[in-house]
Structures are given as structure tokens and as C-alpha cells.
Amino acid sequence: MNNILITIVVLFAACVFLPNGVQAQDAAEATVLTPDSLKFRPHPAEKDGQIATLYGNPGETGHFVIRVKYAAGWAGRPHTHGVTELLMVRSGTCYVALGDDLSREAATELPAGSFAAVPAGTPMRGFASDEPCVVDVQGQGPFTSHYLDEHE
């Protein structure tokens, strides 16, 4: 029951927070953004993260692109997504743990320029090194997250 509630809360937060002040675009429109035009907001589920929507709306059907900034030393919450997540590390070094062992020791180092495709339903957890990291996330909405640490 708690897992369902967490999933609903995260989906609701994505729908409420992401469209506000977002550069969401219709697929028929050209989208050109510069770094100084991005509007970052607190991440709705990760306390040391900020998020900006670059394209589309993750809470709705269709393609989306978001940029996420994580603070140095960030340790994400274990979770899965309802759709395949495409990750591109833009700056810094991130780590991603997949599958049964979601510890930092089991995570793969992803320096800037790295790419990962994580299939829907795959347990995962992200980490940042001792420097901030920035990740672009793409996928087909609606983008949902199911947190596995229901006690937090």
C-alpha cells in the first residue's frame, strides 16, 4: 500500500511541479535553449537535486528531456521507473547501481560523456562523486518513479 502511495505522490509531483515554468514544447515547434535560460527547481523526490525540463512534459504521454543537477556526495533513493530511462552524464562523475545490489560499491562509474539505458522496472540507485554531477534524462512519458525505500 505504501509503495502505491509513494508512486502516486511522485507522479502527482511530476505533473504539478514540472509543467510550471517549464520550457515544454509541442513536437511541431523547434526548441532552442541556452544554459542561462534553464529554470531549475528543487527535485520533487531527491533532496539534493534540482531539475529543469528541456523538452516535453514527463508527466504526459510523449517524448521528454529533463536535466538534473545533483550535489557533491549525493546518494539517491533506490527506485524503478515505469518506462525505459536514457541517461547522459553532462558533467561531473555519477555512479549507477542496477539490479539486486544497489550499494555504492556495486555502482558503475559514469564520467562526463557516459550513457546508460535502463529498462523499465529495473531497480536502480544513483550517486554523485565528491563533485556535483549533471545528467540529462530522456524517455517516453508518462515518466513514473517507484521508490523502494518506503520507510523514508
N, C-alpha and C. Protein backbone atom coordinates (compact mmCIF):
# COMPACT_ATOMS: atom_id res chain seq x y z
N MET A 1 0.82 -1.19 0.00
CA MET A 1 0.00 0.00 0.00
C MET A 1 0.86 1.26 0.00
N ASN A 2 1.92 1.27 0.86
CA ASN A 2 2.81 2.42 0.91
C ASN A 2 3.53 2.63 -0.41
N ASN A 3 3.91 1.53 -1.10
CA ASN A 3 4.58 1.66 -2.39
C ASN A 3 3.66 2.33 -3.41
N ILE A 4 2.40 1.97 -3.41
CA ILE A 4 1.44 2.58 -4.33
C ILE A 4 1.29 4.06 -4.02
N LEU A 5 1.19 4.40 -2.75
CA LEU A 5 1.05 5.79 -2.34
C LEU A 5 2.27 6.61 -2.76
N ILE A 6 3.48 6.07 -2.56
CA ILE A 6 4.70 6.78 -2.97
C ILE A 6 4.70 7.00 -4.47
N THR A 7 4.33 5.99 -5.25
CA THR A 7 4.29 6.13 -6.70
C THR A 7 3.30 7.21 -7.11
N ILE A 8 2.13 7.22 -6.50
CA ILE A 8 1.12 8.24 -6.83
C ILE A 8 1.61 9.62 -6.47
N VAL A 9 2.24 9.77 -5.30
CA VAL A 9 2.74 11.08 -4.87
C VAL A 9 3.80 11.59 -5.83
N VAL A 10 4.73 10.73 -6.25
CA VAL A 10 5.79 11.16 -7.16
C VAL A 10 5.21 11.54 -8.52
N LEU A 11 4.27 10.75 -9.04
CA LEU A 11 3.65 11.09 -10.32
C LEU A 11 2.90 12.40 -10.21
N PHE A 12 2.17 12.60 -9.12
CA PHE A 12 1.46 13.86 -8.90
C PHE A 12 2.45 15.02 -8.85
N ALA A 13 3.55 14.85 -8.11
CA ALA A 13 4.55 15.91 -8.01
C ALA A 13 5.13 16.24 -9.38
N ALA A 14 5.40 15.22 -10.18
CA ALA A 14 5.93 15.47 -11.52
C ALA A 14 4.93 16.27 -12.36
N CYS A 15 3.67 15.93 -12.27
CA CYS A 15 2.66 16.64 -13.05
C CYS A 15 2.47 18.07 -12.55
N VAL A 16 2.56 18.26 -11.25
CA VAL A 16 2.34 19.59 -10.68
C VAL A 16 3.57 20.47 -10.82
N PHE A 17 4.75 19.94 -10.48
CA PHE A 17 5.94 20.77 -10.44
C PHE A 17 6.60 20.95 -11.80
N LEU A 18 6.63 19.94 -12.61
CA LEU A 18 7.39 20.03 -13.85
C LEU A 18 6.79 20.98 -14.87
N PRO A 19 5.47 21.03 -15.07
CA PRO A 19 4.97 21.94 -16.09
C PRO A 19 5.12 23.42 -15.74
N ASN A 20 5.21 23.78 -14.47
CA ASN A 20 5.28 25.18 -14.08
C ASN A 20 6.63 25.78 -14.44
N GLY A 21 6.61 26.82 -15.26
CA GLY A 21 7.83 27.50 -15.65
C GLY A 21 8.72 26.66 -16.54
N VAL A 22 8.18 25.65 -17.14
CA VAL A 22 8.94 24.70 -17.93
C VAL A 22 9.01 25.17 -19.38
N GLN A 23 10.11 24.82 -20.03
CA GLN A 23 10.23 25.10 -21.45
C GLN A 23 9.67 23.91 -22.23
N ALA A 24 8.47 23.46 -21.85
CA ALA A 24 7.86 22.33 -22.55
C ALA A 24 7.42 22.79 -23.93
N GLN A 25 7.67 21.95 -24.91
CA GLN A 25 7.39 22.34 -26.28
C GLN A 25 6.50 21.32 -26.97
N ASP A 26 5.74 21.79 -27.90
CA ASP A 26 4.98 20.93 -28.79
C ASP A 26 5.97 20.31 -29.76
N ALA A 27 5.75 19.06 -30.16
CA ALA A 27 6.67 18.37 -31.05
C ALA A 27 6.81 19.09 -32.39
N ALA A 28 5.84 19.91 -32.78
CA ALA A 28 5.89 20.63 -34.04
C ALA A 28 6.72 21.91 -33.94
N GLU A 29 7.10 22.31 -32.73
CA GLU A 29 7.88 23.53 -32.53
C GLU A 29 9.36 23.20 -32.43
N ALA A 30 10.18 24.11 -32.94
CA ALA A 30 11.62 23.99 -32.72
C ALA A 30 11.91 24.41 -31.29
N THR A 31 12.89 23.79 -30.68
CA THR A 31 13.29 24.13 -29.32
C THR A 31 14.76 24.46 -29.32
N VAL A 32 15.09 25.67 -28.88
CA VAL A 32 16.47 26.10 -28.75
C VAL A 32 16.62 26.71 -27.37
N LEU A 33 17.48 26.13 -26.55
CA LEU A 33 17.69 26.61 -25.19
C LEU A 33 19.18 26.84 -24.96
N THR A 34 19.48 27.84 -24.18
CA THR A 34 20.86 28.08 -23.76
C THR A 34 20.95 27.79 -22.26
N PRO A 35 22.12 27.48 -21.75
CA PRO A 35 22.22 27.14 -20.32
C PRO A 35 21.63 28.21 -19.40
N ASP A 36 21.81 29.48 -19.73
CA ASP A 36 21.30 30.53 -18.85
C ASP A 36 19.78 30.69 -18.93
N SER A 37 19.12 30.05 -19.88
CA SER A 37 17.66 30.15 -19.98
C SER A 37 16.94 29.04 -19.22
N LEU A 38 17.68 28.06 -18.70
CA LEU A 38 17.05 26.94 -17.98
C LEU A 38 16.56 27.39 -16.62
N LYS A 39 15.39 26.90 -16.24
CA LYS A 39 14.80 27.23 -14.95
C LYS A 39 14.80 25.98 -14.07
N PHE A 40 15.76 25.90 -13.17
CA PHE A 40 15.87 24.76 -12.27
C PHE A 40 14.97 24.96 -11.05
N ARG A 41 14.39 23.85 -10.59
CA ARG A 41 13.55 23.83 -9.39
C ARG A 41 14.05 22.68 -8.51
N PRO A 42 13.67 22.70 -7.25
CA PRO A 42 14.03 21.54 -6.41
C PRO A 42 13.44 20.26 -7.00
N HIS A 43 14.22 19.20 -6.97
CA HIS A 43 13.73 17.89 -7.43
C HIS A 43 12.61 17.46 -6.49
N PRO A 44 11.49 16.97 -7.02
CA PRO A 44 10.36 16.61 -6.15
C PRO A 44 10.59 15.42 -5.24
N ALA A 45 11.61 14.59 -5.52
CA ALA A 45 11.80 13.38 -4.71
C ALA A 45 13.23 13.19 -4.19
N GLU A 46 14.17 13.96 -4.68
CA GLU A 46 15.58 13.81 -4.27
C GLU A 46 16.03 15.11 -3.62
N LYS A 47 16.32 15.08 -2.31
CA LYS A 47 16.58 16.31 -1.56
C LYS A 47 17.81 17.07 -2.03
N ASP A 48 18.79 16.43 -2.63
CA ASP A 48 19.99 17.12 -3.09
C ASP A 48 20.01 17.29 -4.61
N GLY A 49 18.83 17.42 -5.21
CA GLY A 49 18.75 17.55 -6.65
C GLY A 49 17.94 18.76 -7.09
N GLN A 50 18.26 19.24 -8.29
CA GLN A 50 17.49 20.29 -8.95
C GLN A 50 17.16 19.77 -10.34
N ILE A 51 16.03 20.23 -10.87
CA ILE A 51 15.56 19.69 -12.14
C ILE A 51 15.05 20.80 -13.05
N ALA A 52 15.32 20.66 -14.35
CA ALA A 52 14.78 21.57 -15.36
C ALA A 52 14.25 20.72 -16.50
N THR A 53 13.10 21.06 -17.01
CA THR A 53 12.55 20.35 -18.16
C THR A 53 12.99 21.07 -19.43
N LEU A 54 13.64 20.32 -20.32
CA LEU A 54 14.15 20.88 -21.56
C LEU A 54 13.16 20.72 -22.70
N TYR A 55 12.41 19.62 -22.66
CA TYR A 55 11.50 19.34 -23.77
C TYR A 55 10.38 18.45 -23.30
N GLY A 56 9.17 18.71 -23.75
CA GLY A 56 8.03 17.87 -23.42
C GLY A 56 7.60 18.04 -21.98
N ASN A 57 6.81 17.08 -21.52
CA ASN A 57 6.33 17.07 -20.15
C ASN A 57 6.41 15.62 -19.66
N PRO A 58 7.29 15.34 -18.71
CA PRO A 58 7.46 13.97 -18.24
C PRO A 58 6.19 13.34 -17.67
N GLY A 59 5.25 14.16 -17.22
CA GLY A 59 4.01 13.65 -16.65
C GLY A 59 2.96 13.30 -17.67
N GLU A 60 3.22 13.58 -18.95
CA GLU A 60 2.25 13.32 -20.01
C GLU A 60 2.82 12.36 -21.05
N THR A 61 1.96 11.85 -21.91
CA THR A 61 2.38 10.97 -22.99
C THR A 61 3.25 11.75 -23.97
N GLY A 62 4.35 11.14 -24.39
CA GLY A 62 5.22 11.74 -25.39
C GLY A 62 6.67 11.83 -24.91
N HIS A 63 7.52 12.22 -25.84
CA HIS A 63 8.96 12.32 -25.56
C HIS A 63 9.24 13.48 -24.62
N PHE A 64 10.19 13.28 -23.72
CA PHE A 64 10.61 14.36 -22.81
C PHE A 64 12.11 14.30 -22.62
N VAL A 65 12.68 15.45 -22.23
CA VAL A 65 14.08 15.55 -21.85
C VAL A 65 14.13 16.44 -20.61
N ILE A 66 14.77 15.95 -19.55
CA ILE A 66 14.97 16.75 -18.35
C ILE A 66 16.46 16.79 -18.03
N ARG A 67 16.89 17.84 -17.36
CA ARG A 67 18.27 17.94 -16.88
C ARG A 67 18.21 17.98 -15.36
N VAL A 68 19.04 17.16 -14.73
CA VAL A 68 19.05 17.06 -13.28
C VAL A 68 20.46 17.36 -12.77
N LYS A 69 20.54 18.26 -11.79
CA LYS A 69 21.81 18.57 -11.11
C LYS A 69 21.77 17.92 -9.74
N TYR A 70 22.86 17.20 -9.42
CA TYR A 70 22.98 16.59 -8.11
C TYR A 70 24.18 17.17 -7.38
N ALA A 71 24.03 17.41 -6.09
CA ALA A 71 25.10 17.96 -5.26
C ALA A 71 26.21 16.93 -5.07
N ALA A 72 27.40 17.42 -4.77
CA ALA A 72 28.53 16.55 -4.45
C ALA A 72 28.14 15.61 -3.32
N GLY A 73 28.47 14.32 -3.47
CA GLY A 73 28.18 13.34 -2.43
C GLY A 73 26.75 12.84 -2.40
N TRP A 74 25.91 13.27 -3.34
CA TRP A 74 24.51 12.85 -3.37
C TRP A 74 24.42 11.32 -3.44
N ALA A 75 23.47 10.77 -2.69
CA ALA A 75 23.14 9.34 -2.74
C ALA A 75 21.64 9.25 -2.95
N GLY A 76 21.24 8.79 -4.12
CA GLY A 76 19.83 8.71 -4.47
C GLY A 76 19.10 7.59 -3.75
N ARG A 77 17.80 7.68 -3.82
CA ARG A 77 16.96 6.65 -3.22
C ARG A 77 16.80 5.48 -4.21
N PRO A 78 16.80 4.24 -3.72
CA PRO A 78 16.55 3.09 -4.60
C PRO A 78 15.16 3.20 -5.23
N HIS A 79 15.07 2.94 -6.54
CA HIS A 79 13.79 3.11 -7.23
C HIS A 79 13.78 2.34 -8.55
N THR A 80 12.61 2.32 -9.16
CA THR A 80 12.43 1.83 -10.52
C THR A 80 11.64 2.89 -11.27
N HIS A 81 11.61 2.77 -12.60
CA HIS A 81 10.78 3.65 -13.43
C HIS A 81 9.82 2.81 -14.26
N GLY A 82 8.71 3.40 -14.62
CA GLY A 82 7.70 2.71 -15.41
C GLY A 82 8.00 2.65 -16.89
N VAL A 83 9.02 3.39 -17.34
CA VAL A 83 9.45 3.38 -18.74
C VAL A 83 10.96 3.31 -18.79
N THR A 84 11.51 2.97 -19.95
CA THR A 84 12.95 2.96 -20.12
C THR A 84 13.49 4.38 -19.95
N GLU A 85 14.58 4.49 -19.18
CA GLU A 85 15.21 5.78 -18.91
C GLU A 85 16.56 5.83 -19.64
N LEU A 86 16.75 6.89 -20.42
CA LEU A 86 18.01 7.10 -21.12
C LEU A 86 18.77 8.20 -20.40
N LEU A 87 19.97 7.90 -19.90
CA LEU A 87 20.76 8.83 -19.10
C LEU A 87 22.02 9.23 -19.85
N MET A 88 22.32 10.52 -19.87
CA MET A 88 23.56 11.04 -20.43
C MET A 88 24.21 11.93 -19.38
N VAL A 89 25.41 11.61 -18.95
CA VAL A 89 26.12 12.42 -17.95
C VAL A 89 26.76 13.59 -18.69
N ARG A 90 26.34 14.80 -18.31
CA ARG A 90 26.82 16.03 -18.96
C ARG A 90 28.10 16.55 -18.32
N SER A 91 28.16 16.51 -16.98
CA SER A 91 29.36 16.99 -16.29
C SER A 91 29.48 16.27 -14.95
N GLY A 92 30.69 16.27 -14.43
CA GLY A 92 30.94 15.57 -13.18
C GLY A 92 31.02 14.08 -13.39
N THR A 93 31.02 13.35 -12.29
CA THR A 93 31.03 11.89 -12.33
C THR A 93 29.89 11.37 -11.48
N CYS A 94 29.06 10.56 -12.09
CA CYS A 94 27.96 9.90 -11.39
C CYS A 94 28.27 8.41 -11.32
N TYR A 95 27.52 7.73 -10.49
CA TYR A 95 27.61 6.27 -10.37
C TYR A 95 26.20 5.74 -10.42
N VAL A 96 26.01 4.57 -11.04
CA VAL A 96 24.69 3.96 -11.07
C VAL A 96 24.83 2.48 -10.69
N ALA A 97 24.00 2.07 -9.73
CA ALA A 97 23.91 0.67 -9.33
C ALA A 97 22.60 0.13 -9.88
N LEU A 98 22.63 -1.06 -10.44
CA LEU A 98 21.46 -1.67 -11.07
C LEU A 98 21.26 -3.08 -10.54
N GLY A 99 20.00 -3.49 -10.42
CA GLY A 99 19.70 -4.88 -10.06
C GLY A 99 19.53 -5.12 -8.58
N ASP A 100 20.08 -6.23 -8.10
CA ASP A 100 19.87 -6.64 -6.71
C ASP A 100 20.74 -5.88 -5.71
N ASP A 101 21.96 -5.54 -6.08
CA ASP A 101 22.87 -4.85 -5.18
C ASP A 101 22.91 -3.37 -5.55
N LEU A 102 22.26 -2.53 -4.76
CA LEU A 102 22.18 -1.10 -5.06
C LEU A 102 23.12 -0.28 -4.18
N SER A 103 24.19 -0.91 -3.72
CA SER A 103 25.17 -0.21 -2.90
C SER A 103 26.10 0.63 -3.78
N ARG A 104 26.74 1.60 -3.17
CA ARG A 104 27.72 2.42 -3.90
C ARG A 104 28.87 1.56 -4.40
N GLU A 105 29.25 0.56 -3.62
CA GLU A 105 30.36 -0.33 -4.01
C GLU A 105 30.03 -1.10 -5.30
N ALA A 106 28.77 -1.38 -5.54
CA ALA A 106 28.36 -2.13 -6.72
C ALA A 106 28.10 -1.23 -7.93
N ALA A 107 28.13 0.08 -7.72
CA ALA A 107 27.78 1.02 -8.78
C ALA A 107 28.89 1.15 -9.82
N THR A 108 28.49 1.43 -11.06
CA THR A 108 29.40 1.66 -12.17
C THR A 108 29.69 3.15 -12.28
N GLU A 109 30.95 3.51 -12.42
CA GLU A 109 31.34 4.91 -12.58
C GLU A 109 30.95 5.41 -13.96
N LEU A 110 30.31 6.57 -14.00
CA LEU A 110 29.90 7.18 -15.27
C LEU A 110 30.47 8.60 -15.34
N PRO A 111 31.66 8.76 -15.93
CA PRO A 111 32.22 10.10 -16.07
C PRO A 111 31.45 10.89 -17.13
N ALA A 112 31.68 12.19 -17.19
CA ALA A 112 31.03 13.04 -18.18
C ALA A 112 31.17 12.43 -19.57
N GLY A 113 30.08 12.43 -20.32
CA GLY A 113 30.04 11.82 -21.65
C GLY A 113 29.49 10.41 -21.66
N SER A 114 29.27 9.82 -20.48
CA SER A 114 28.75 8.45 -20.40
C SER A 114 27.27 8.41 -20.72
N PHE A 115 26.82 7.23 -21.13
CA PHE A 115 25.41 6.97 -21.47
C PHE A 115 24.98 5.68 -20.80
N ALA A 116 23.74 5.63 -20.35
CA ALA A 116 23.15 4.40 -19.83
C ALA A 116 21.69 4.33 -20.26
N ALA A 117 21.23 3.16 -20.65
CA ALA A 117 19.82 2.90 -20.95
C ALA A 117 19.34 1.90 -19.91
N VAL A 118 18.38 2.31 -19.10
CA VAL A 118 17.90 1.47 -18.00
C VAL A 118 16.46 1.05 -18.32
N PRO A 119 16.23 -0.25 -18.58
CA PRO A 119 14.89 -0.71 -18.92
C PRO A 119 13.88 -0.47 -17.80
N ALA A 120 12.63 -0.28 -18.18
CA ALA A 120 11.54 -0.11 -17.22
C ALA A 120 11.57 -1.24 -16.20
N GLY A 121 11.32 -0.90 -14.94
CA GLY A 121 11.23 -1.90 -13.89
C GLY A 121 12.56 -2.35 -13.29
N THR A 122 13.68 -1.85 -13.80
CA THR A 122 15.00 -2.24 -13.28
C THR A 122 15.28 -1.48 -11.98
N PRO A 123 15.54 -2.18 -10.88
CA PRO A 123 15.93 -1.47 -9.66
C PRO A 123 17.23 -0.72 -9.89
N MET A 124 17.28 0.54 -9.44
CA MET A 124 18.46 1.35 -9.65
C MET A 124 18.66 2.34 -8.52
N ARG A 125 19.89 2.84 -8.43
CA ARG A 125 20.22 3.87 -7.46
C ARG A 125 21.41 4.65 -7.99
N GLY A 126 21.34 5.96 -7.91
CA GLY A 126 22.42 6.81 -8.39
C GLY A 126 23.18 7.47 -7.25
N PHE A 127 24.42 7.87 -7.57
CA PHE A 127 25.30 8.54 -6.63
C PHE A 127 26.10 9.59 -7.38
N ALA A 128 26.55 10.63 -6.68
CA ALA A 128 27.48 11.60 -7.23
C ALA A 128 28.82 11.42 -6.54
N SER A 129 29.88 11.76 -7.24
CA SER A 129 31.22 11.71 -6.65
C SER A 129 31.36 12.88 -5.67
N ASP A 130 32.58 13.24 -5.37
CA ASP A 130 32.81 14.37 -4.46
C ASP A 130 32.68 15.71 -5.15
N GLU A 131 32.14 15.69 -6.37
CA GLU A 131 31.82 16.91 -7.09
C GLU A 131 30.39 16.81 -7.61
N PRO A 132 29.74 17.93 -7.87
CA PRO A 132 28.37 17.86 -8.42
C PRO A 132 28.38 17.15 -9.77
N CYS A 133 27.25 16.57 -10.13
CA CYS A 133 27.11 15.98 -11.46
C CYS A 133 25.80 16.45 -12.08
N VAL A 134 25.80 16.50 -13.40
CA VAL A 134 24.62 16.93 -14.16
C VAL A 134 24.30 15.82 -15.16
N VAL A 135 23.02 15.42 -15.19
CA VAL A 135 22.58 14.31 -16.02
C VAL A 135 21.37 14.75 -16.83
N ASP A 136 21.35 14.42 -18.12
CA ASP A 136 20.15 14.57 -18.94
C ASP A 136 19.44 13.23 -18.96
N VAL A 137 18.13 13.28 -18.79
CA VAL A 137 17.29 12.08 -18.80
C VAL A 137 16.27 12.23 -19.91
N GLN A 138 16.16 11.21 -20.74
CA GLN A 138 15.16 11.20 -21.82
C GLN A 138 14.31 9.96 -21.71
N GLY A 139 13.12 10.05 -22.24
CA GLY A 139 12.24 8.90 -22.27
C GLY A 139 10.90 9.26 -22.87
N GLN A 140 10.00 8.30 -22.80
CA GLN A 140 8.63 8.48 -23.25
C GLN A 140 7.73 8.54 -22.03
N GLY A 141 7.03 9.65 -21.87
CA GLY A 141 6.13 9.81 -20.74
C GLY A 141 4.85 9.03 -20.94
N PRO A 142 4.10 8.86 -19.88
CA PRO A 142 4.35 9.45 -18.58
C PRO A 142 5.48 8.72 -17.84
N PHE A 143 6.35 9.54 -17.21
CA PHE A 143 7.53 9.07 -16.50
C PHE A 143 7.18 8.93 -15.03
N THR A 144 7.18 7.71 -14.53
CA THR A 144 6.86 7.47 -13.13
C THR A 144 8.04 6.86 -12.41
N SER A 145 8.14 7.15 -11.13
CA SER A 145 9.17 6.58 -10.28
C SER A 145 8.49 5.84 -9.14
N HIS A 146 9.01 4.68 -8.83
CA HIS A 146 8.51 3.88 -7.72
C HIS A 146 9.67 3.70 -6.76
N TYR A 147 9.60 4.33 -5.60
CA TYR A 147 10.69 4.27 -4.63
C TYR A 147 10.60 3.00 -3.80
N LEU A 148 11.72 2.32 -3.66
CA LEU A 148 11.76 1.03 -3.00
C LEU A 148 12.00 1.15 -1.50
N ASP A 149 12.35 2.34 -1.03
CA ASP A 149 12.62 2.57 0.38
C ASP A 149 11.41 3.25 1.04
N GLU A 150 10.32 2.53 1.07
CA GLU A 150 9.05 3.11 1.52
C GLU A 150 9.10 3.67 2.94
N HIS A 151 10.06 3.27 3.73
CA HIS A 151 10.13 3.74 5.11
C HIS A 151 10.69 5.16 5.17
N GLU A 152 11.30 5.68 4.10
CA GLU A 152 11.87 7.04 4.13
C GLU A 152 10.85 8.06 3.70
